[in-house]
């Protein structure tokens, strides 16, 4: 039986493409921007259950849980990776720079959206509030899809590794409050000296 302890965690698709300098990797088999066919395959999963789009099968990195598979089910991790891949494919479409940026949480990215002249404060607050109040994973993903579309309009990246973890935790109601609290703390920072969410993350002090 495959379990989370039986495998070494692989780099997710977006991690393989984007280097530590927040630019496309220049070496290796996964160098450069994602091919158009990969992004199209990811978008084919939007609004569909995990494993329902054969075009995405080669893009998954999560192990198959044998016990769940025998019942025709997938793990929360598999479902979260499917959702994150689908959203990344939507987000990256037509963008020249990476829309995955380590350290830029969803709340921080949405704060940039709120501050942008193309969107009103009140409308953004309403959409973000509706997302945070979602009581199911499908509802969360519907709101995320709409917000990711708007983030693409302003070319605002997101940390997709963190977003995948957030979606995975949303499968467990008792894990939602910490995720919601982190989003709120990052989003509801109204000071003018908030760091630019597109700027590289500063290294931690030793």
C-alpha atoms as a PDB file:
ATOM      1  CA  UNK A   1       0.000   0.000   0.000  1.00  0.00           C
ATOM      2  CA  UNK A   2       1.305   3.434  -0.912  1.00  0.00           C
ATOM      3  CA  UNK A   3       1.388   5.954   1.906  1.00  0.00           C
ATOM      4  CA  UNK A   4       2.802   9.433   2.387  1.00  0.00           C
ATOM      5  CA  UNK A   5       5.819   7.868   4.126  1.00  0.00           C
ATOM      6  CA  UNK A   6       6.688   5.578   1.207  1.00  0.00           C
ATOM      7  CA  UNK A   7       7.915   8.193  -1.248  1.00  0.00           C
ATOM      8  CA  UNK A   8      10.153  11.197  -1.511  1.00  0.00           C
ATOM      9  CA  UNK A   9       8.129  14.327  -2.211  1.00  0.00           C
ATOM     10  CA  UNK A  10       8.742  15.447  -5.762  1.00  0.00           C
ATOM     11  CA  UNK A  11       8.948  19.023  -6.891  1.00  0.00           C
ATOM     12  CA  UNK A  12       5.595  20.213  -8.146  1.00  0.00           C
ATOM     13  CA  UNK A  13       5.304  21.263 -11.767  1.00  0.00           C
ATOM     14  CA  UNK A  14       5.648  24.979 -10.995  1.00  0.00           C
ATOM     15  CA  UNK A  15       8.640  24.355  -8.719  1.00  0.00           C
ATOM     16  CA  UNK A  16      10.482  22.517 -11.496  1.00  0.00           C
ATOM     17  CA  UNK A  17       9.977  25.449 -13.858  1.00  0.00           C
ATOM     18  CA  UNK A  18      10.796  28.399 -11.594  1.00  0.00           C
ATOM     19  CA  UNK A  19      14.227  28.869 -10.037  1.00  0.00           C
ATOM     20  CA  UNK A  20      15.194  30.413  -6.687  1.00  0.00           C
ATOM     21  CA  UNK A  21      15.688  33.753  -8.460  1.00  0.00           C
ATOM     22  CA  UNK A  22      11.947  33.749  -9.317  1.00  0.00           C
ATOM     23  CA  UNK A  23      12.755  33.424 -13.033  1.00  0.00           C
ATOM     24  CA  UNK A  24      12.297  30.513 -15.428  1.00  0.00           C
ATOM     25  CA  UNK A  25      15.000  27.892 -14.994  1.00  0.00           C
ATOM     26  CA  UNK A  26      17.688  28.087 -17.668  1.00  0.00           C
ATOM     27  CA  UNK A  27      19.011  24.533 -17.433  1.00  0.00           C
ATOM     28  CA  UNK A  28      17.611  21.019 -17.389  1.00  0.00           C
ATOM     29  CA  UNK A  29      14.669  19.373 -19.071  1.00  0.00           C
ATOM     30  CA  UNK A  30      12.188  21.744 -17.420  1.00  0.00           C
ATOM     31  CA  UNK A  31      13.874  24.989 -18.425  1.00  0.00           C
ATOM     32  CA  UNK A  32      11.983  27.945 -19.782  1.00  0.00           C
ATOM     33  CA  UNK A  33       8.264  28.769 -19.666  1.00  0.00           C
ATOM     34  CA  UNK A  34       5.764  25.893 -19.643  1.00  0.00           C
ATOM     35  CA  UNK A  35       4.851  24.633 -23.123  1.00  0.00           C
ATOM     36  CA  UNK A  36       1.450  25.748 -24.343  1.00  0.00           C
ATOM     37  CA  UNK A  37       0.247  22.145 -24.424  1.00  0.00           C
ATOM     38  CA  UNK A  38       1.049  21.732 -20.716  1.00  0.00           C
ATOM     39  CA  UNK A  39      -0.916  24.852 -19.797  1.00  0.00           C
ATOM     40  CA  UNK A  40      -3.826  23.727 -21.971  1.00  0.00           C
ATOM     41  CA  UNK A  41      -3.749  20.330 -20.249  1.00  0.00           C
ATOM     42  CA  UNK A  42      -3.893  22.024 -16.848  1.00  0.00           C
ATOM     43  CA  UNK A  43      -6.825  24.211 -17.848  1.00  0.00           C
ATOM     44  CA  UNK A  44      -8.696  21.117 -19.012  1.00  0.00           C
ATOM     45  CA  UNK A  45      -9.006  20.224 -15.326  1.00  0.00           C
ATOM     46  CA  UNK A  46     -10.877  23.392 -14.358  1.00  0.00           C
ATOM     47  CA  UNK A  47     -14.225  22.471 -12.850  1.00  0.00           C
ATOM     48  CA  UNK A  48     -13.518  18.732 -13.235  1.00  0.00           C
ATOM     49  CA  UNK A  49     -12.760  16.129 -10.555  1.00  0.00           C
ATOM     50  CA  UNK A  50      -9.174  14.925 -10.043  1.00  0.00           C
ATOM     51  CA  UNK A  51      -8.053  12.296 -12.571  1.00  0.00           C
ATOM     52  CA  UNK A  52     -10.992  13.144 -14.835  1.00  0.00           C
ATOM     53  CA  UNK A  53      -8.762  14.772 -17.470  1.00  0.00           C
ATOM     54  CA  UNK A  54      -6.295  12.290 -19.001  1.00  0.00           C
ATOM     55  CA  UNK A  55      -4.248  15.200 -20.361  1.00  0.00           C
ATOM     56  CA  UNK A  56      -3.231  16.032 -16.780  1.00  0.00           C
ATOM     57  CA  UNK A  57      -2.135  12.578 -15.693  1.00  0.00           C
ATOM     58  CA  UNK A  58       1.527  13.124 -16.635  1.00  0.00           C
ATOM     59  CA  UNK A  59       1.631  16.366 -14.640  1.00  0.00           C
ATOM     60  CA  UNK A  60       0.669  14.914 -11.259  1.00  0.00           C
ATOM     61  CA  UNK A  61       3.387  14.226  -8.687  1.00  0.00           C
ATOM     62  CA  UNK A  62       1.350  12.915  -5.730  1.00  0.00           C
ATOM     63  CA  UNK A  63       1.440   9.197  -4.936  1.00  0.00           C
ATOM     64  CA  UNK A  64      -1.682   7.094  -5.360  1.00  0.00           C
ATOM     65  CA  UNK A  65      -3.220   5.944  -2.099  1.00  0.00           C
ATOM     66  CA  UNK A  66      -3.970   2.284  -2.822  1.00  0.00           C
ATOM     67  CA  UNK A  67      -6.778   1.956  -0.266  1.00  0.00           C
ATOM     68  CA  UNK A  68      -8.604   4.999  -1.613  1.00  0.00           C
ATOM     69  CA  UNK A  69      -7.927   3.988  -5.217  1.00  0.00           C
ATOM     70  CA  UNK A  70      -9.636   0.634  -4.670  1.00  0.00           C
ATOM     71  CA  UNK A  71     -12.767   2.586  -3.765  1.00  0.00           C
ATOM     72  CA  UNK A  72     -12.397   4.903  -6.740  1.00  0.00           C
ATOM     73  CA  UNK A  73     -11.380   7.811  -4.498  1.00  0.00           C
ATOM     74  CA  UNK A  74      -8.406  10.182  -4.336  1.00  0.00           C
ATOM     75  CA  UNK A  75      -6.598  11.699  -1.385  1.00  0.00           C
ATOM     76  CA  UNK A  76      -6.953  15.316  -0.289  1.00  0.00           C
ATOM     77  CA  UNK A  77      -3.381  15.857  -1.468  1.00  0.00           C
ATOM     78  CA  UNK A  78      -4.168  14.547  -4.953  1.00  0.00           C
ATOM     79  CA  UNK A  79      -7.301  16.683  -5.152  1.00  0.00           C
ATOM     80  CA  UNK A  80      -5.366  19.756  -4.023  1.00  0.00           C
ATOM     81  CA  UNK A  81      -2.612  19.232  -6.581  1.00  0.00           C
ATOM     82  CA  UNK A  82      -5.214  18.834  -9.325  1.00  0.00           C
ATOM     83  CA  UNK A  83      -6.857  22.100  -8.284  1.00  0.00           C
ATOM     84  CA  UNK A  84      -3.545  23.975  -7.990  1.00  0.00           C
ATOM     85  CA  UNK A  85      -2.354  22.744 -11.386  1.00  0.00           C
ATOM     86  CA  UNK A  86      -5.637  23.794 -12.992  1.00  0.00           C
ATOM     87  CA  UNK A  87      -5.442  27.255 -11.448  1.00  0.00           C
ATOM     88  CA  UNK A  88      -1.783  27.636 -12.373  1.00  0.00           C
ATOM     89  CA  UNK A  89      -2.601  26.784 -15.991  1.00  0.00           C
ATOM     90  CA  UNK A  90      -5.276  29.476 -15.955  1.00  0.00           C
ATOM     91  CA  UNK A  91      -3.015  32.000 -14.222  1.00  0.00           C
ATOM     92  CA  UNK A  92       0.033  31.428 -16.418  1.00  0.00           C
ATOM     93  CA  UNK A  93      -1.847  31.605 -19.733  1.00  0.00           C
ATOM     94  CA  UNK A  94      -0.478  34.457 -21.817  1.00  0.00           C
ATOM     95  CA  UNK A  95       2.011  35.550 -19.130  1.00  0.00           C
ATOM     96  CA  UNK A  96       5.735  35.808 -19.925  1.00  0.00           C
ATOM     97  CA  UNK A  97       6.962  35.858 -16.320  1.00  0.00           C
ATOM     98  CA  UNK A  98       6.262  33.105 -13.776  1.00  0.00           C
ATOM     99  CA  UNK A  99       2.942  33.352 -11.949  1.00  0.00           C
ATOM    100  CA  UNK A 100       4.359  31.128  -9.206  1.00  0.00           C
ATOM    101  CA  UNK A 101       6.429  33.080  -6.705  1.00  0.00           C
ATOM    102  CA  UNK A 102       7.636  31.509  -3.499  1.00  0.00           C
ATOM    103  CA  UNK A 103       6.681  33.458  -0.396  1.00  0.00           C
ATOM    104  CA  UNK A 104       3.752  35.367  -1.910  1.00  0.00           C
ATOM    105  CA  UNK A 105       0.760  33.991  -0.052  1.00  0.00           C
ATOM    106  CA  UNK A 106      -2.772  34.268  -1.363  1.00  0.00           C
ATOM    107  CA  UNK A 107      -3.682  37.049   1.075  1.00  0.00           C
ATOM    108  CA  UNK A 108      -0.684  39.125  -0.004  1.00  0.00           C
ATOM    109  CA  UNK A 109      -1.522  38.651  -3.682  1.00  0.00           C
ATOM    110  CA  UNK A 110      -5.141  39.631  -3.090  1.00  0.00           C
ATOM    111  CA  UNK A 111      -4.011  42.748  -1.244  1.00  0.00           C
ATOM    112  CA  UNK A 112      -2.196  43.794  -4.436  1.00  0.00           C
ATOM    113  CA  UNK A 113      -5.444  43.200  -6.307  1.00  0.00           C
ATOM    114  CA  UNK A 114      -7.359  45.395  -3.847  1.00  0.00           C
ATOM    115  CA  UNK A 115      -4.856  48.196  -4.270  1.00  0.00           C
ATOM    116  CA  UNK A 116      -4.901  48.090  -8.054  1.00  0.00           C
ATOM    117  CA  UNK A 117      -6.761  50.826  -9.881  1.00  0.00           C
ATOM    118  CA  UNK A 118      -8.584  48.343 -12.115  1.00  0.00           C
ATOM    119  CA  UNK A 119     -10.640  46.941  -9.237  1.00  0.00           C
ATOM    120  CA  UNK A 120     -12.693  48.641  -6.556  1.00  0.00           C
ATOM    121  CA  UNK A 121     -11.893  48.080  -2.893  1.00  0.00           C
ATOM    122  CA  UNK A 122     -15.440  47.102  -1.981  1.00  0.00           C
ATOM    123  CA  UNK A 123     -15.859  44.621  -4.831  1.00  0.00           C
ATOM    124  CA  UNK A 124     -12.545  42.952  -4.031  1.00  0.00           C
ATOM    125  CA  UNK A 125     -13.387  42.807  -0.327  1.00  0.00           C
ATOM    126  CA  UNK A 126     -16.681  41.111  -1.171  1.00  0.00           C
ATOM    127  CA  UNK A 127     -15.057  38.506  -3.409  1.00  0.00           C
ATOM    128  CA  UNK A 128     -12.288  37.758  -0.929  1.00  0.00           C
ATOM    129  CA  UNK A 129     -14.791  37.526   1.926  1.00  0.00           C
ATOM    130  CA  UNK A 130     -16.962  35.110  -0.032  1.00  0.00           C
ATOM    131  CA  UNK A 131     -13.945  32.921  -0.750  1.00  0.00           C
ATOM    132  CA  UNK A 132     -12.842  32.860   2.882  1.00  0.00           C
ATOM    133  CA  UNK A 133     -16.380  31.993   3.984  1.00  0.00           C
ATOM    134  CA  UNK A 134     -16.619  28.978   1.645  1.00  0.00           C
ATOM    135  CA  UNK A 135     -17.898  25.934   3.523  1.00  0.00           C
ATOM    136  CA  UNK A 136     -16.852  23.341   0.972  1.00  0.00           C
ATOM    137  CA  UNK A 137     -13.907  22.689  -1.328  1.00  0.00           C
ATOM    138  CA  UNK A 138     -15.978  23.085  -4.548  1.00  0.00           C
ATOM    139  CA  UNK A 139     -17.210  26.481  -3.333  1.00  0.00           C
ATOM    140  CA  UNK A 140     -13.665  27.541  -2.440  1.00  0.00           C
ATOM    141  CA  UNK A 141     -12.405  26.554  -5.888  1.00  0.00           C
ATOM    142  CA  UNK A 142     -15.168  28.493  -7.657  1.00  0.00           C
ATOM    143  CA  UNK A 143     -14.156  31.649  -5.816  1.00  0.00           C
ATOM    144  CA  UNK A 144     -10.458  30.976  -6.354  1.00  0.00           C
ATOM    145  CA  UNK A 145     -10.970  30.567 -10.084  1.00  0.00           C
ATOM    146  CA  UNK A 146     -12.606  33.983 -10.286  1.00  0.00           C
ATOM    147  CA  UNK A 147      -9.909  35.655  -8.174  1.00  0.00           C
ATOM    148  CA  UNK A 148      -7.041  33.989 -10.040  1.00  0.00           C
ATOM    149  CA  UNK A 149      -8.527  35.311 -13.289  1.00  0.00           C
ATOM    150  CA  UNK A 150      -8.366  38.811 -11.824  1.00  0.00           C
ATOM    151  CA  UNK A 151      -4.816  38.314 -10.545  1.00  0.00           C
ATOM    152  CA  UNK A 152      -3.815  37.388 -14.081  1.00  0.00           C
ATOM    153  CA  UNK A 153      -5.199  40.736 -15.299  1.00  0.00           C
ATOM    154  CA  UNK A 154      -2.622  42.561 -13.143  1.00  0.00           C
ATOM    155  CA  UNK A 155       0.115  39.911 -13.621  1.00  0.00           C
ATOM    156  CA  UNK A 156       0.238  39.256  -9.869  1.00  0.00           C
ATOM    157  CA  UNK A 157       1.955  35.957  -8.940  1.00  0.00           C
ATOM    158  CA  UNK A 158       1.061  33.582  -6.098  1.00  0.00           C
ATOM    159  CA  UNK A 159       2.976  30.912  -4.198  1.00  0.00           C
ATOM    160  CA  UNK A 160       1.315  27.824  -5.696  1.00  0.00           C
ATOM    161  CA  UNK A 161       3.045  25.436  -3.311  1.00  0.00           C
ATOM    162  CA  UNK A 162       1.423  27.257  -0.395  1.00  0.00           C
ATOM    163  CA  UNK A 163      -1.880  27.535  -2.246  1.00  0.00           C
ATOM    164  CA  UNK A 164      -1.899  23.784  -2.828  1.00  0.00           C
ATOM    165  CA  UNK A 165      -1.331  23.239   0.910  1.00  0.00           C
ATOM    166  CA  UNK A 166      -4.172  25.661   1.699  1.00  0.00           C
ATOM    167  CA  UNK A 167      -6.554  23.810  -0.613  1.00  0.00           C
ATOM    168  CA  UNK A 168      -5.518  20.486   0.879  1.00  0.00           C
ATOM    169  CA  UNK A 169      -6.229  21.788   4.382  1.00  0.00           C
ATOM    170  CA  UNK A 170      -9.639  23.050   3.255  1.00  0.00           C
ATOM    171  CA  UNK A 171     -10.702  19.413   2.902  1.00  0.00           C
ATOM    172  CA  UNK A 172     -10.585  19.238   6.704  1.00  0.00           C
ATOM    173  CA  UNK A 173     -12.938  21.707   8.441  1.00  0.00           C
ATOM    174  CA  UNK A 174     -10.808  21.788  11.579  1.00  0.00           C
ATOM    175  CA  UNK A 175      -7.801  22.980   9.546  1.00  0.00           C
ATOM    176  CA  UNK A 176      -9.593  25.843   7.832  1.00  0.00           C
ATOM    177  CA  UNK A 177      -9.388  28.449  10.643  1.00  0.00           C
ATOM    178  CA  UNK A 178      -5.561  28.741  10.575  1.00  0.00           C
ATOM    179  CA  UNK A 179      -5.612  29.092   6.777  1.00  0.00           C
ATOM    180  CA  UNK A 180      -8.370  31.695   6.937  1.00  0.00           C
ATOM    181  CA  UNK A 181      -6.509  33.567   9.696  1.00  0.00           C
ATOM    182  CA  UNK A 182      -3.283  33.711   7.661  1.00  0.00           C
ATOM    183  CA  UNK A 183      -5.163  34.990   4.607  1.00  0.00           C
ATOM    184  CA  UNK A 184      -6.812  37.662   6.748  1.00  0.00           C
ATOM    185  CA  UNK A 185      -3.561  38.802   8.353  1.00  0.00           C
ATOM    186  CA  UNK A 186      -1.891  39.145   4.941  1.00  0.00           C
ATOM    187  CA  UNK A 187      -4.866  40.766   3.237  1.00  0.00           C
ATOM    188  CA  UNK A 188      -6.013  43.236   5.869  1.00  0.00           C
ATOM    189  CA  UNK A 189      -2.778  45.183   6.103  1.00  0.00           C
ATOM    190  CA  UNK A 190      -3.755  48.717   5.192  1.00  0.00           C
ATOM    191  CA  UNK A 191      -0.424  50.413   5.893  1.00  0.00           C
ATOM    192  CA  UNK A 192       1.352  52.048   2.971  1.00  0.00           C
ATOM    193  CA  UNK A 193       4.702  50.495   3.762  1.00  0.00           C
ATOM    194  CA  UNK A 194       3.627  46.940   2.932  1.00  0.00           C
ATOM    195  CA  UNK A 195       6.369  45.312   0.806  1.00  0.00           C
ATOM    196  CA  UNK A 196       5.666  44.890  -2.891  1.00  0.00           C
ATOM    197  CA  UNK A 197       4.293  41.314  -3.213  1.00  0.00           C
ATOM    198  CA  UNK A 198       6.074  40.980  -6.570  1.00  0.00           C
ATOM    199  CA  UNK A 199       9.444  41.684  -5.004  1.00  0.00           C
ATOM    200  CA  UNK A 200      11.742  38.728  -4.207  1.00  0.00           C
ATOM    201  CA  UNK A 201      11.514  37.464  -0.655  1.00  0.00           C
ATOM    202  CA  UNK A 202      14.400  38.706   1.475  1.00  0.00           C
ATOM    203  CA  UNK A 203      16.594  35.943   2.924  1.00  0.00           C
ATOM    204  CA  UNK A 204      16.114  35.226   6.602  1.00  0.00           C
ATOM    205  CA  UNK A 205      18.663  36.742   8.950  1.00  0.00           C
ATOM    206  CA  UNK A 206      21.098  34.266  10.364  1.00  0.00           C
END
